[in-house]
């Protein structure tokens, strides 16, 4: 897949988010550790933006699909991916 963004986790692992919704994890020396998916819907729709952020649960990942749906995993070490509610149409541009 095409790489969209990458960043460091709170435990110094490199997180690489691809447009197909796969997150690849490497250690500080560049050795591949494992991967996980942001979910089938994210994979099917494709990702157009991704952010890696600190959270109280660890390092989180948020992605937005081509149909503007947002999926988040608050902790990449235990990725429970959830869909955020859609923005009501009266607020969209």
PDB file of N, CA and C in Angstrom:
ATOM      1  N   UNK A   1       0.810  -1.194   0.000  1.00  0.00           N
ATOM      2  CA  UNK A   1       0.000   0.000   0.000  1.00  0.00           C
ATOM      3  C   UNK A   1       0.850   1.252   0.000  1.00  0.00           C
ATOM      4  N   UNK A   2       0.229   2.364  -0.305  1.00  0.00           N
ATOM      5  CA  UNK A   2       0.903   3.660  -0.323  1.00  0.00           C
ATOM      6  C   UNK A   2       0.947   4.208   1.099  1.00  0.00           C
ATOM      7  N   UNK A   3       2.114   4.668   1.523  1.00  0.00           N
ATOM      8  CA  UNK A   3       2.307   5.221   2.857  1.00  0.00           C
ATOM      9  C   UNK A   3       1.710   6.619   2.930  1.00  0.00           C
ATOM     10  N   UNK A   4       0.839   6.856   3.934  1.00  0.00           N
ATOM     11  CA  UNK A   4       0.232   8.175   4.119  1.00  0.00           C
ATOM     12  C   UNK A   4       0.947   8.995   5.171  1.00  0.00           C
ATOM     13  N   UNK A   5       1.238   8.376   6.297  1.00  0.00           N
ATOM     14  CA  UNK A   5       1.907   9.093   7.371  1.00  0.00           C
ATOM     15  C   UNK A   5       2.672   8.115   8.236  1.00  0.00           C
ATOM     16  N   UNK A   6       3.642   8.642   8.952  1.00  0.00           N
ATOM     17  CA  UNK A   6       4.350   7.830   9.920  1.00  0.00           C
ATOM     18  C   UNK A   6       4.780   8.711  11.075  1.00  0.00           C
ATOM     19  N   UNK A   7       4.977   8.074  12.228  1.00  0.00           N
ATOM     20  CA  UNK A   7       5.372   8.814  13.419  1.00  0.00           C
ATOM     21  C   UNK A   7       5.780   7.855  14.516  1.00  0.00           C
ATOM     22  N   UNK A   8       6.338   8.440  15.570  1.00  0.00           N
ATOM     23  CA  UNK A   8       6.838   7.637  16.686  1.00  0.00           C
ATOM     24  C   UNK A   8       5.786   7.494  17.765  1.00  0.00           C
ATOM     25  N   UNK A   9       5.747   6.308  18.365  1.00  0.00           N
ATOM     26  CA  UNK A   9       4.841   6.052  19.480  1.00  0.00           C
ATOM     27  C   UNK A   9       5.500   6.491  20.784  1.00  0.00           C
ATOM     28  N   UNK A  10       4.744   6.428  21.867  1.00  0.00           N
ATOM     29  CA  UNK A  10       5.278   6.778  23.182  1.00  0.00           C
ATOM     30  C   UNK A  10       6.334   5.779  23.659  1.00  0.00           C
ATOM     31  N   UNK A  11       6.400   4.595  23.041  1.00  0.00           N
ATOM     32  CA  UNK A  11       7.415   3.605  23.407  1.00  0.00           C
ATOM     33  C   UNK A  11       8.483   3.464  22.312  1.00  0.00           C
ATOM     34  N   UNK A  12       8.638   4.531  21.514  1.00  0.00           N
ATOM     35  CA  UNK A  12       9.672   4.626  20.487  1.00  0.00           C
ATOM     36  C   UNK A  12       9.587   3.543  19.417  1.00  0.00           C
ATOM     37  N   UNK A  13       8.356   3.255  18.997  1.00  0.00           N
ATOM     38  CA  UNK A  13       8.141   2.385  17.846  1.00  0.00           C
ATOM     39  C   UNK A  13       7.655   3.271  16.705  1.00  0.00           C
ATOM     40  N   UNK A  14       8.077   2.928  15.491  1.00  0.00           N
ATOM     41  CA  UNK A  14       7.683   3.693  14.314  1.00  0.00           C
ATOM     42  C   UNK A  14       6.372   3.133  13.777  1.00  0.00           C
ATOM     43  N   UNK A  15       5.354   3.991  13.656  1.00  0.00           N
ATOM     44  CA  UNK A  15       4.039   3.600  13.156  1.00  0.00           C
ATOM     45  C   UNK A  15       3.890   4.143  11.740  1.00  0.00           C
ATOM     46  N   UNK A  16       3.578   3.268  10.795  1.00  0.00           N
ATOM     47  CA  UNK A  16       3.419   3.646   9.394  1.00  0.00           C
ATOM     48  C   UNK A  16       2.001   3.311   8.957  1.00  0.00           C
ATOM     49  N   UNK A  17       1.217   4.335   8.610  1.00  0.00           N
ATOM     50  CA  UNK A  17      -0.173   4.154   8.210  1.00  0.00           C
ATOM     51  C   UNK A  17      -0.251   4.202   6.692  1.00  0.00           C
ATOM     52  N   UNK A  18      -0.810   3.143   6.100  1.00  0.00           N
ATOM     53  CA  UNK A  18      -0.957   3.063   4.649  1.00  0.00           C
ATOM     54  C   UNK A  18      -2.376   3.423   4.232  1.00  0.00           C
ATOM     55  N   UNK A  19      -2.554   3.766   2.950  1.00  0.00           N
ATOM     56  CA  UNK A  19      -3.881   4.166   2.467  1.00  0.00           C
ATOM     57  C   UNK A  19      -4.882   3.016   2.471  1.00  0.00           C
ATOM     58  N   UNK A  20      -4.408   1.785   2.582  1.00  0.00           N
ATOM     59  CA  UNK A  20      -5.328   0.641   2.645  1.00  0.00           C
ATOM     60  C   UNK A  20      -5.763   0.332   4.070  1.00  0.00           C
ATOM     61  N   UNK A  21      -5.398   1.185   5.032  1.00  0.00           N
ATOM     62  CA  UNK A  21      -5.837   1.015   6.409  1.00  0.00           C
ATOM     63  C   UNK A  21      -4.959   0.104   7.250  1.00  0.00           C
ATOM     64  N   UNK A  22      -3.863  -0.360   6.694  1.00  0.00           N
ATOM     65  CA  UNK A  22      -2.929  -1.201   7.439  1.00  0.00           C
ATOM     66  C   UNK A  22      -1.911  -0.313   8.150  1.00  0.00           C
ATOM     67  N   UNK A  23      -1.675  -0.611   9.428  1.00  0.00           N
ATOM     68  CA  UNK A  23      -0.673   0.099  10.216  1.00  0.00           C
ATOM     69  C   UNK A  23       0.478  -0.872  10.471  1.00  0.00           C
ATOM     70  N   UNK A  24       1.667  -0.506   9.991  1.00  0.00           N
ATOM     71  CA  UNK A  24       2.875  -1.315  10.175  1.00  0.00           C
ATOM     72  C   UNK A  24       3.662  -0.746  11.345  1.00  0.00           C
ATOM     73  N   UNK A  25       4.212  -1.633  12.176  1.00  0.00           N
ATOM     74  CA  UNK A  25       4.938  -1.207  13.366  1.00  0.00           C
ATOM     75  C   UNK A  25       6.361  -1.753  13.311  1.00  0.00           C
ATOM     76  N   UNK A  26       7.327  -0.844  13.521  1.00  0.00           N
ATOM     77  CA  UNK A  26       8.747  -1.192  13.502  1.00  0.00           C
ATOM     78  C   UNK A  26       9.383  -0.739  14.814  1.00  0.00           C
ATOM     79  N   UNK A  27      10.431  -1.451  15.253  1.00  0.00           N
ATOM     80  CA  UNK A  27      11.108  -0.997  16.463  1.00  0.00           C
ATOM     81  C   UNK A  27      12.051   0.152  16.123  1.00  0.00           C
ATOM     82  N   UNK A  28      12.733   0.683  17.123  1.00  0.00           N
ATOM     83  CA  UNK A  28      13.590   1.860  16.937  1.00  0.00           C
ATOM     84  C   UNK A  28      14.753   1.591  15.981  1.00  0.00           C
ATOM     85  N   UNK A  29      15.074   0.300  15.750  1.00  0.00           N
ATOM     86  CA  UNK A  29      16.164  -0.064  14.845  1.00  0.00           C
ATOM     87  C   UNK A  29      15.672  -0.381  13.436  1.00  0.00           C
ATOM     88  N   UNK A  30      14.377  -0.181  13.190  1.00  0.00           N
ATOM     89  CA  UNK A  30      13.819  -0.412  11.861  1.00  0.00           C
ATOM     90  C   UNK A  30      13.412  -1.849  11.599  1.00  0.00           C
ATOM     91  N   UNK A  31      13.399  -2.691  12.625  1.00  0.00           N
ATOM     92  CA  UNK A  31      12.995  -4.093  12.452  1.00  0.00           C
ATOM     93  C   UNK A  31      11.475  -4.206  12.562  1.00  0.00           C
ATOM     94  N   UNK A  32      10.881  -4.846  11.545  1.00  0.00           N
ATOM     95  CA  UNK A  32       9.428  -5.032  11.516  1.00  0.00           C
ATOM     96  C   UNK A  32       8.970  -5.809  12.748  1.00  0.00           C
ATOM     97  N   UNK A  33       7.915  -5.329  13.398  1.00  0.00           N
ATOM     98  CA  UNK A  33       7.357  -5.983  14.580  1.00  0.00           C
ATOM     99  C   UNK A  33       6.051  -6.705  14.255  1.00  0.00           C
ATOM    100  N   UNK A  34       5.046  -5.950  13.822  1.00  0.00           N
ATOM    101  CA  UNK A  34       3.751  -6.527  13.445  1.00  0.00           C
ATOM    102  C   UNK A  34       2.910  -5.463  12.758  1.00  0.00           C
ATOM    103  N   UNK A  35       1.690  -5.829  12.419  1.00  0.00           N
ATOM    104  CA  UNK A  35       0.781  -4.892  11.762  1.00  0.00           C
ATOM    105  C   UNK A  35      -0.630  -5.145  12.259  1.00  0.00           C
ATOM    106  N   UNK A  36      -1.507  -4.190  12.017  1.00  0.00           N
ATOM    107  CA  UNK A  36      -2.939  -4.370  12.265  1.00  0.00           C
ATOM    108  C   UNK A  36      -3.710  -3.514  11.279  1.00  0.00           C
ATOM    109  N   UNK A  37      -4.999  -3.784  11.175  1.00  0.00           N
ATOM    110  CA  UNK A  37      -5.864  -3.067  10.240  1.00  0.00           C
ATOM    111  C   UNK A  37      -6.767  -2.102  10.995  1.00  0.00           C
ATOM    112  N   UNK A  38      -7.063  -0.981  10.379  1.00  0.00           N
ATOM    113  CA  UNK A  38      -8.030  -0.037  10.928  1.00  0.00           C
ATOM    114  C   UNK A  38      -9.468  -0.465  10.601  1.00  0.00           C
ATOM    115  N   UNK A  39      -9.643  -1.659  10.072  1.00  0.00           N
ATOM    116  CA  UNK A  39     -10.969  -2.219   9.824  1.00  0.00           C
ATOM    117  C   UNK A  39     -11.279  -2.380   8.350  1.00  0.00           C
ATOM    118  N   UNK A  40     -12.205  -3.293   8.062  1.00  0.00           N
ATOM    119  CA  UNK A  40     -12.550  -3.607   6.681  1.00  0.00           C
ATOM    120  C   UNK A  40     -13.151  -2.418   5.947  1.00  0.00           C
ATOM    121  N   UNK A  41     -13.993  -1.647   6.625  1.00  0.00           N
ATOM    122  CA  UNK A  41     -14.606  -0.485   5.967  1.00  0.00           C
ATOM    123  C   UNK A  41     -13.543   0.544   5.582  1.00  0.00           C
ATOM    124  N   UNK A  42     -12.554   0.753   6.464  1.00  0.00           N
ATOM    125  CA  UNK A  42     -11.457   1.676   6.162  1.00  0.00           C
ATOM    126  C   UNK A  42     -10.636   1.153   4.990  1.00  0.00           C
ATOM    127  N   UNK A  43     -10.414  -0.146   4.947  1.00  0.00           N
ATOM    128  CA  UNK A  43      -9.663  -0.752   3.847  1.00  0.00           C
ATOM    129  C   UNK A  43     -10.422  -0.609   2.533  1.00  0.00           C
ATOM    130  N   UNK A  44     -11.720  -0.883   2.559  1.00  0.00           N
ATOM    131  CA  UNK A  44     -12.535  -0.818   1.342  1.00  0.00           C
ATOM    132  C   UNK A  44     -12.642   0.613   0.800  1.00  0.00           C
ATOM    133  N   UNK A  45     -12.824   1.585   1.692  1.00  0.00           N
ATOM    134  CA  UNK A  45     -13.026   2.974   1.269  1.00  0.00           C
ATOM    135  C   UNK A  45     -11.708   3.672   0.950  1.00  0.00           C
ATOM    136  N   UNK A  46     -10.594   3.181   1.501  1.00  0.00           N
ATOM    137  CA  UNK A  46      -9.263   3.791   1.374  1.00  0.00           C
ATOM    138  C   UNK A  46      -9.153   5.014   2.288  1.00  0.00           C
ATOM    139  N   UNK A  47      -7.971   5.220   2.798  1.00  0.00           N
ATOM    140  CA  UNK A  47      -7.683   6.299   3.730  1.00  0.00           C
ATOM    141  C   UNK A  47      -7.138   7.503   2.953  1.00  0.00           C
ATOM    142  N   UNK A  48      -7.617   8.708   3.307  1.00  0.00           N
ATOM    143  CA  UNK A  48      -7.085   9.919   2.674  1.00  0.00           C
ATOM    144  C   UNK A  48      -6.270  10.759   3.648  1.00  0.00           C
ATOM    145  N   UNK A  49      -6.448  10.520   4.958  1.00  0.00           N
ATOM    146  CA  UNK A  49      -5.657  11.257   5.940  1.00  0.00           C
ATOM    147  C   UNK A  49      -5.515  10.410   7.190  1.00  0.00           C
ATOM    148  N   UNK A  50      -4.407  10.578   7.882  1.00  0.00           N
ATOM    149  CA  UNK A  50      -4.154   9.828   9.108  1.00  0.00           C
ATOM    150  C   UNK A  50      -3.340  10.692  10.058  1.00  0.00           C
ATOM    151  N   UNK A  51      -3.615  10.538  11.339  1.00  0.00           N
ATOM    152  CA  UNK A  51      -2.880  11.264  12.371  1.00  0.00           C
ATOM    153  C   UNK A  51      -2.496  10.288  13.478  1.00  0.00           C
ATOM    154  N   UNK A  52      -1.300  10.461  13.997  1.00  0.00           N
ATOM    155  CA  UNK A  52      -0.831   9.701  15.148  1.00  0.00           C
ATOM    156  C   UNK A  52      -0.799  10.686  16.306  1.00  0.00           C
ATOM    157  N   UNK A  53      -1.401  10.309  17.448  1.00  0.00           N
ATOM    158  CA  UNK A  53      -1.551  11.276  18.533  1.00  0.00           C
ATOM    159  C   UNK A  53      -1.354  10.614  19.900  1.00  0.00           C
ATOM    160  N   UNK A  54      -0.907  11.387  20.898  1.00  0.00           N
ATOM    161  CA  UNK A  54      -0.819  10.841  22.254  1.00  0.00           C
ATOM    162  C   UNK A  54      -2.199  10.823  22.896  1.00  0.00           C
ATOM    163  N   UNK A  55      -2.482   9.794  23.664  1.00  0.00           N
ATOM    164  CA  UNK A  55      -3.738   9.732  24.408  1.00  0.00           C
ATOM    165  C   UNK A  55      -3.445   9.198  25.804  1.00  0.00           C
ATOM    166  N   UNK A  56      -4.418   9.286  26.678  1.00  0.00           N
ATOM    167  CA  UNK A  56      -4.225   8.761  28.035  1.00  0.00           C
ATOM    168  C   UNK A  56      -4.037   7.251  28.030  1.00  0.00           C
ATOM    169  N   UNK A  57      -4.403   6.594  26.940  1.00  0.00           N
ATOM    170  CA  UNK A  57      -4.291   5.144  26.811  1.00  0.00           C
ATOM    171  C   UNK A  57      -3.001   4.725  26.113  1.00  0.00           C
ATOM    172  N   UNK A  58      -2.184   5.661  25.674  1.00  0.00           N
ATOM    173  CA  UNK A  58      -0.972   5.351  24.911  1.00  0.00           C
ATOM    174  C   UNK A  58      -0.957   6.186  23.645  1.00  0.00           C
ATOM    175  N   UNK A  59      -0.414   5.650  22.581  1.00  0.00           N
ATOM    176  CA  UNK A  59      -0.380   6.353  21.300  1.00  0.00           C
ATOM    177  C   UNK A  59      -1.559   5.902  20.449  1.00  0.00           C
ATOM    178  N   UNK A  60      -2.331   6.859  19.972  1.00  0.00           N
ATOM    179  CA  UNK A  60      -3.504   6.561  19.175  1.00  0.00           C
ATOM    180  C   UNK A  60      -3.305   6.883  17.706  1.00  0.00           C
ATOM    181  N   UNK A  61      -4.200   6.335  16.899  1.00  0.00           N
ATOM    182  CA  UNK A  61      -4.188   6.580  15.455  1.00  0.00           C
ATOM    183  C   UNK A  61      -5.613   6.906  15.028  1.00  0.00           C
ATOM    184  N   UNK A  62      -5.757   7.975  14.236  1.00  0.00           N
ATOM    185  CA  UNK A  62      -7.049   8.350  13.664  1.00  0.00           C
ATOM    186  C   UNK A  62      -6.885   8.393  12.155  1.00  0.00           C
ATOM    187  N   UNK A  63      -7.849   7.852  11.431  1.00  0.00           N
ATOM    188  CA  UNK A  63      -7.817   7.886   9.971  1.00  0.00           C
ATOM    189  C   UNK A  63      -9.153   8.385   9.435  1.00  0.00           C
ATOM    190  N   UNK A  64      -9.099   9.047   8.273  1.00  0.00           N
ATOM    191  CA  UNK A  64     -10.315   9.493   7.594  1.00  0.00           C
ATOM    192  C   UNK A  64     -10.346   8.834   6.217  1.00  0.00           C
ATOM    193  N   UNK A  65     -11.494   8.283   5.867  1.00  0.00           N
ATOM    194  CA  UNK A  65     -11.644   7.591   4.596  1.00  0.00           C
ATOM    195  C   UNK A  65     -12.088   8.551   3.498  1.00  0.00           C
ATOM    196  N   UNK A  66     -12.112   8.055   2.274  1.00  0.00           N
ATOM    197  CA  UNK A  66     -12.534   8.862   1.126  1.00  0.00           C
ATOM    198  C   UNK A  66     -13.989   9.311   1.237  1.00  0.00           C
ATOM    199  N   UNK A  67     -14.796   8.603   2.047  1.00  0.00           N
ATOM    200  CA  UNK A  67     -16.183   9.039   2.250  1.00  0.00           C
ATOM    201  C   UNK A  67     -16.335   9.808   3.574  1.00  0.00           C
ATOM    202  N   UNK A  68     -15.207  10.337   4.089  1.00  0.00           N
ATOM    203  CA  UNK A  68     -15.152  11.224   5.251  1.00  0.00           C
ATOM    204  C   UNK A  68     -15.643  10.597   6.547  1.00  0.00           C
ATOM    205  N   UNK A  69     -15.458   9.298   6.669  1.00  0.00           N
ATOM    206  CA  UNK A  69     -15.743   8.629   7.943  1.00  0.00           C
ATOM    207  C   UNK A  69     -14.431   8.509   8.698  1.00  0.00           C
ATOM    208  N   UNK A  70     -14.504   8.693  10.014  1.00  0.00           N
ATOM    209  CA  UNK A  70     -13.297   8.711  10.840  1.00  0.00           C
ATOM    210  C   UNK A  70     -13.287   7.509  11.774  1.00  0.00           C
ATOM    211  N   UNK A  71     -12.165   6.791  11.747  1.00  0.00           N
ATOM    212  CA  UNK A  71     -11.955   5.636  12.608  1.00  0.00           C
ATOM    213  C   UNK A  71     -10.779   5.938  13.525  1.00  0.00           C
ATOM    214  N   UNK A  72     -10.906   5.549  14.796  1.00  0.00           N
ATOM    215  CA  UNK A  72      -9.811   5.777  15.727  1.00  0.00           C
ATOM    216  C   UNK A  72      -9.487   4.503  16.505  1.00  0.00           C
ATOM    217  N   UNK A  73      -8.227   4.409  16.887  1.00  0.00           N
ATOM    218  CA  UNK A  73      -7.743   3.383  17.813  1.00  0.00           C
ATOM    219  C   UNK A  73      -6.939   4.148  18.857  1.00  0.00           C
ATOM    220  N   UNK A  74      -7.432   4.218  20.096  1.00  0.00           N
ATOM    221  CA  UNK A  74      -6.778   5.031  21.127  1.00  0.00           C
ATOM    222  C   UNK A  74      -5.430   4.488  21.579  1.00  0.00           C
ATOM    223  N   UNK A  75      -5.177   3.199  21.337  1.00  0.00           N
ATOM    224  CA  UNK A  75      -3.899   2.605  21.734  1.00  0.00           C
ATOM    225  C   UNK A  75      -3.504   1.586  20.679  1.00  0.00           C
ATOM    226  N   UNK A  76      -2.428   1.864  19.954  1.00  0.00           N
ATOM    227  CA  UNK A  76      -2.008   0.972  18.873  1.00  0.00           C
ATOM    228  C   UNK A  76      -1.563  -0.398  19.385  1.00  0.00           C
ATOM    229  N   UNK A  77      -1.209  -0.493  20.673  1.00  0.00           N
ATOM    230  CA  UNK A  77      -0.779  -1.782  21.233  1.00  0.00           C
ATOM    231  C   UNK A  77      -1.958  -2.716  21.475  1.00  0.00           C
ATOM    232  N   UNK A  78      -3.140  -2.151  21.627  1.00  0.00           N
ATOM    233  CA  UNK A  78      -4.372  -2.927  21.796  1.00  0.00           C
ATOM    234  C   UNK A  78      -5.441  -2.242  20.945  1.00  0.00           C
ATOM    235  N   UNK A  79      -5.321  -2.384  19.615  1.00  0.00           N
ATOM    236  CA  UNK A  79      -6.145  -1.557  18.715  1.00  0.00           C
ATOM    237  C   UNK A  79      -7.613  -1.987  18.645  1.00  0.00           C
ATOM    238  N   UNK A  80      -8.414  -1.317  19.452  1.00  0.00           N
ATOM    239  CA  UNK A  80      -9.865  -1.482  19.369  1.00  0.00           C
ATOM    240  C   UNK A  80     -10.368  -0.329  18.507  1.00  0.00           C
ATOM    241  N   UNK A  81     -10.528  -0.594  17.235  1.00  0.00           N
ATOM    242  CA  UNK A  81     -10.893   0.456  16.278  1.00  0.00           C
ATOM    243  C   UNK A  81     -12.381   0.742  16.395  1.00  0.00           C
ATOM    244  N   UNK A  82     -12.708   2.036  16.438  1.00  0.00           N
ATOM    245  CA  UNK A  82     -14.129   2.402  16.470  1.00  0.00           C
ATOM    246  C   UNK A  82     -14.384   3.550  15.503  1.00  0.00           C
ATOM    247  N   UNK A  83     -15.603   3.596  15.025  1.00  0.00           N
ATOM    248  CA  UNK A  83     -16.050   4.623  14.091  1.00  0.00           C
ATOM    249  C   UNK A  83     -16.625   5.791  14.878  1.00  0.00           C
ATOM    250  N   UNK A  84     -16.178   7.003  14.576  1.00  0.00           N
ATOM    251  CA  UNK A  84     -16.767   8.184  15.194  1.00  0.00           C
ATOM    252  C   UNK A  84     -18.089   8.504  14.509  1.00  0.00           C
ATOM    253  N   UNK A  85     -19.025   9.104  15.236  1.00  0.00           N
ATOM    254  CA  UNK A  85     -20.307   9.466  14.614  1.00  0.00           C
ATOM    255  C   UNK A  85     -20.094  10.420  13.447  1.00  0.00           C
ATOM    256  N   UNK A  86     -20.976  10.316  12.460  1.00  0.00           N
ATOM    257  CA  UNK A  86     -20.889  11.210  11.301  1.00  0.00           C
ATOM    258  C   UNK A  86     -21.329  12.614  11.691  1.00  0.00           C
ATOM    259  N   UNK A  87     -20.744  13.603  11.007  1.00  0.00           N
ATOM    260  CA  UNK A  87     -21.102  14.993  11.235  1.00  0.00           C
ATOM    261  C   UNK A  87     -22.452  15.253  10.566  1.00  0.00           C
ATOM    262  N   UNK A  88     -23.428  15.839  11.283  1.00  0.00           N
ATOM    263  CA  UNK A  88     -24.717  16.133  10.637  1.00  0.00           C
ATOM    264  C   UNK A  88     -24.526  16.989   9.389  1.00  0.00           C
ATOM    265  N   UNK A  89     -25.346  16.768   8.377  1.00  0.00           N
ATOM    266  CA  UNK A  89     -25.182  17.457   7.097  1.00  0.00           C
ATOM    267  C   UNK A  89     -25.325  18.973   7.215  1.00  0.00           C
ATOM    268  N   UNK A  90     -26.050  19.468   8.188  1.00  0.00           N
ATOM    269  CA  UNK A  90     -26.211  20.930   8.312  1.00  0.00           C
ATOM    270  C   UNK A  90     -24.905  21.612   8.722  1.00  0.00           C
ATOM    271  N   UNK A  91     -23.914  20.831   9.237  1.00  0.00           N
ATOM    272  CA  UNK A  91     -22.627  21.405   9.610  1.00  0.00           C
ATOM    273  C   UNK A  91     -21.572  21.210   8.534  1.00  0.00           C
ATOM    274  N   UNK A  92     -21.837  20.351   7.574  1.00  0.00           N
ATOM    275  CA  UNK A  92     -20.830  20.100   6.549  1.00  0.00           C
ATOM    276  C   UNK A  92     -20.887  21.199   5.495  1.00  0.00           C
ATOM    277  N   UNK A  93     -19.782  21.348   4.762  1.00  0.00           N
ATOM    278  CA  UNK A  93     -19.724  22.405   3.747  1.00  0.00           C
ATOM    279  C   UNK A  93     -20.044  21.865   2.380  1.00  0.00           C
TER     280      UNK A  93
END
